[in-house]
Amino acid sequence: MIIDNFKKSEYYGLKSSGMSGIFQNQNKGHHEQFRLFLEKLKNGGEAIIPFEEIINISRASICAVESLRMGTWVKVC
């Protein structure tokens, strides 16, 4: 099964489960994210994504790539 951005699905060797079309009007939050970002730039205030969360996802991403490169588990510290 291939799910393309949750907008369409293709099935190989399986019967369709009826998923196609159910996510037509999906909202991924991009509009709201940029609206908040511009609001914070204009008016100030806390970041929409806390710095600690940015650091954590950066560490996890780097460790995921390292894990794939080494072919073993890598501890996220």
C-alpha atoms as a PDB file:
ATOM      1  CA  MET A   1       0.000   0.000   0.000  1.00  0.00           C
ATOM      2  CA  ILE A   2       1.240   3.500  -0.842  1.00  0.00           C
ATOM      3  CA  ILE A   3      -0.303   6.526   0.867  1.00  0.00           C
ATOM      4  CA  ASP A   4       0.544   9.747  -0.971  1.00  0.00           C
ATOM      5  CA  ASN A   5       0.412  12.609   1.542  1.00  0.00           C
ATOM      6  CA  PHE A   6      -2.886  11.177   2.826  1.00  0.00           C
ATOM      7  CA  LYS A   7      -4.625  12.447  -0.331  1.00  0.00           C
ATOM      8  CA  LYS A   8      -4.698   9.229  -2.320  1.00  0.00           C
ATOM      9  CA  SER A   9      -3.779   5.605  -1.782  1.00  0.00           C
ATOM     10  CA  GLU A  10      -2.737   2.760  -4.064  1.00  0.00           C
ATOM     11  CA  TYR A  11      -2.977  -0.901  -3.169  1.00  0.00           C
ATOM     12  CA  TYR A  12      -0.912  -3.768  -4.552  1.00  0.00           C
ATOM     13  CA  GLY A  13      -2.150  -7.244  -3.789  1.00  0.00           C
ATOM     14  CA  LEU A  14      -4.810  -5.866  -1.434  1.00  0.00           C
ATOM     15  CA  LYS A  15      -8.381  -4.771  -1.866  1.00  0.00           C
ATOM     16  CA  SER A  16      -8.972  -1.046  -1.485  1.00  0.00           C
ATOM     17  CA  SER A  17     -10.039  -0.194   2.047  1.00  0.00           C
ATOM     18  CA  GLY A  18     -11.990   2.866   0.959  1.00  0.00           C
ATOM     19  CA  MET A  19      -9.401   5.358   2.239  1.00  0.00           C
ATOM     20  CA  SER A  20      -9.235   7.303  -1.013  1.00  0.00           C
ATOM     21  CA  GLY A  21     -10.913  10.664  -0.740  1.00  0.00           C
ATOM     22  CA  ILE A  22     -11.469  10.753   3.016  1.00  0.00           C
ATOM     23  CA  PHE A  23      -8.691  13.303   3.566  1.00  0.00           C
ATOM     24  CA  GLN A  24      -9.654  15.693   0.749  1.00  0.00           C
ATOM     25  CA  ASN A  25     -10.158  18.706   3.027  1.00  0.00           C
ATOM     26  CA  GLN A  26      -7.285  18.119   5.405  1.00  0.00           C
ATOM     27  CA  ASN A  27      -5.837  20.977   7.419  1.00  0.00           C
ATOM     28  CA  LYS A  28      -2.165  20.515   8.257  1.00  0.00           C
ATOM     29  CA  GLY A  29      -1.969  23.788  10.167  1.00  0.00           C
ATOM     30  CA  HIS A  30       0.470  25.594   7.875  1.00  0.00           C
ATOM     31  CA  HIS A  31      -1.719  28.676   7.505  1.00  0.00           C
ATOM     32  CA  GLU A  32      -2.146  29.004  11.277  1.00  0.00           C
ATOM     33  CA  GLN A  33       1.567  28.385  11.870  1.00  0.00           C
ATOM     34  CA  PHE A  34       2.619  31.228   9.572  1.00  0.00           C
ATOM     35  CA  ARG A  35      -0.116  33.506  10.908  1.00  0.00           C
ATOM     36  CA  LEU A  36       1.200  33.004  14.456  1.00  0.00           C
ATOM     37  CA  PHE A  37       4.810  33.412  13.299  1.00  0.00           C
ATOM     38  CA  LEU A  38       4.070  36.737  11.624  1.00  0.00           C
ATOM     39  CA  GLU A  39       2.055  37.864  14.653  1.00  0.00           C
ATOM     40  CA  LYS A  40       5.024  37.094  16.944  1.00  0.00           C
ATOM     41  CA  LEU A  41       7.395  38.976  14.626  1.00  0.00           C
ATOM     42  CA  LYS A  42       5.106  41.993  14.662  1.00  0.00           C
ATOM     43  CA  ASN A  43       4.049  42.028  18.339  1.00  0.00           C
ATOM     44  CA  GLY A  44       6.765  40.042  20.101  1.00  0.00           C
ATOM     45  CA  GLY A  45       6.152  37.279  22.602  1.00  0.00           C
ATOM     46  CA  GLU A  46       7.263  33.725  23.152  1.00  0.00           C
ATOM     47  CA  ALA A  47       8.324  31.563  20.228  1.00  0.00           C
ATOM     48  CA  ILE A  48       5.596  29.362  18.737  1.00  0.00           C
ATOM     49  CA  ILE A  49       7.950  26.362  19.118  1.00  0.00           C
ATOM     50  CA  PRO A  50       9.975  26.331  22.347  1.00  0.00           C
ATOM     51  CA  PHE A  51      13.752  26.268  21.812  1.00  0.00           C
ATOM     52  CA  GLU A  52      14.099  23.057  23.856  1.00  0.00           C
ATOM     53  CA  GLU A  53      11.733  21.249  21.436  1.00  0.00           C
ATOM     54  CA  ILE A  54      13.795  22.437  18.470  1.00  0.00           C
ATOM     55  CA  ILE A  55      16.958  21.097  20.127  1.00  0.00           C
ATOM     56  CA  ASN A  56      15.282  17.753  20.937  1.00  0.00           C
ATOM     57  CA  ILE A  57      14.011  17.164  17.391  1.00  0.00           C
ATOM     58  CA  SER A  58      17.399  18.183  15.977  1.00  0.00           C
ATOM     59  CA  ARG A  59      19.152  15.632  18.213  1.00  0.00           C
ATOM     60  CA  ALA A  60      16.651  12.915  17.298  1.00  0.00           C
ATOM     61  CA  SER A  61      17.035  13.650  13.566  1.00  0.00           C
ATOM     62  CA  ILE A  62      20.835  13.556  13.715  1.00  0.00           C
ATOM     63  CA  CYS A  63      20.738  10.283  15.672  1.00  0.00           C
ATOM     64  CA  ALA A  64      18.257   8.755  13.192  1.00  0.00           C
ATOM     65  CA  VAL A  65      20.612   9.499  10.287  1.00  0.00           C
ATOM     66  CA  GLU A  66      23.576   8.167  12.270  1.00  0.00           C
ATOM     67  CA  SER A  67      21.605   5.014  13.115  1.00  0.00           C
ATOM     68  CA  LEU A  68      20.835   4.407   9.428  1.00  0.00           C
ATOM     69  CA  ARG A  69      24.465   5.043   8.480  1.00  0.00           C
ATOM     70  CA  MET A  70      25.828   2.676  11.132  1.00  0.00           C
ATOM     71  CA  GLY A  71      23.065   0.064  10.872  1.00  0.00           C
ATOM     72  CA  THR A  72      22.528   0.014  14.619  1.00  0.00           C
ATOM     73  CA  TRP A  73      20.554   1.765  17.358  1.00  0.00           C
ATOM     74  CA  VAL A  74      21.886   5.153  18.436  1.00  0.00           C
ATOM     75  CA  LYS A  75      20.910   6.607  21.806  1.00  0.00           C
ATOM     76  CA  VAL A  76      19.454  10.112  21.674  1.00  0.00           C
ATOM     77  CA  CYS A  77      21.131  12.138  24.425  1.00  0.00           C
END
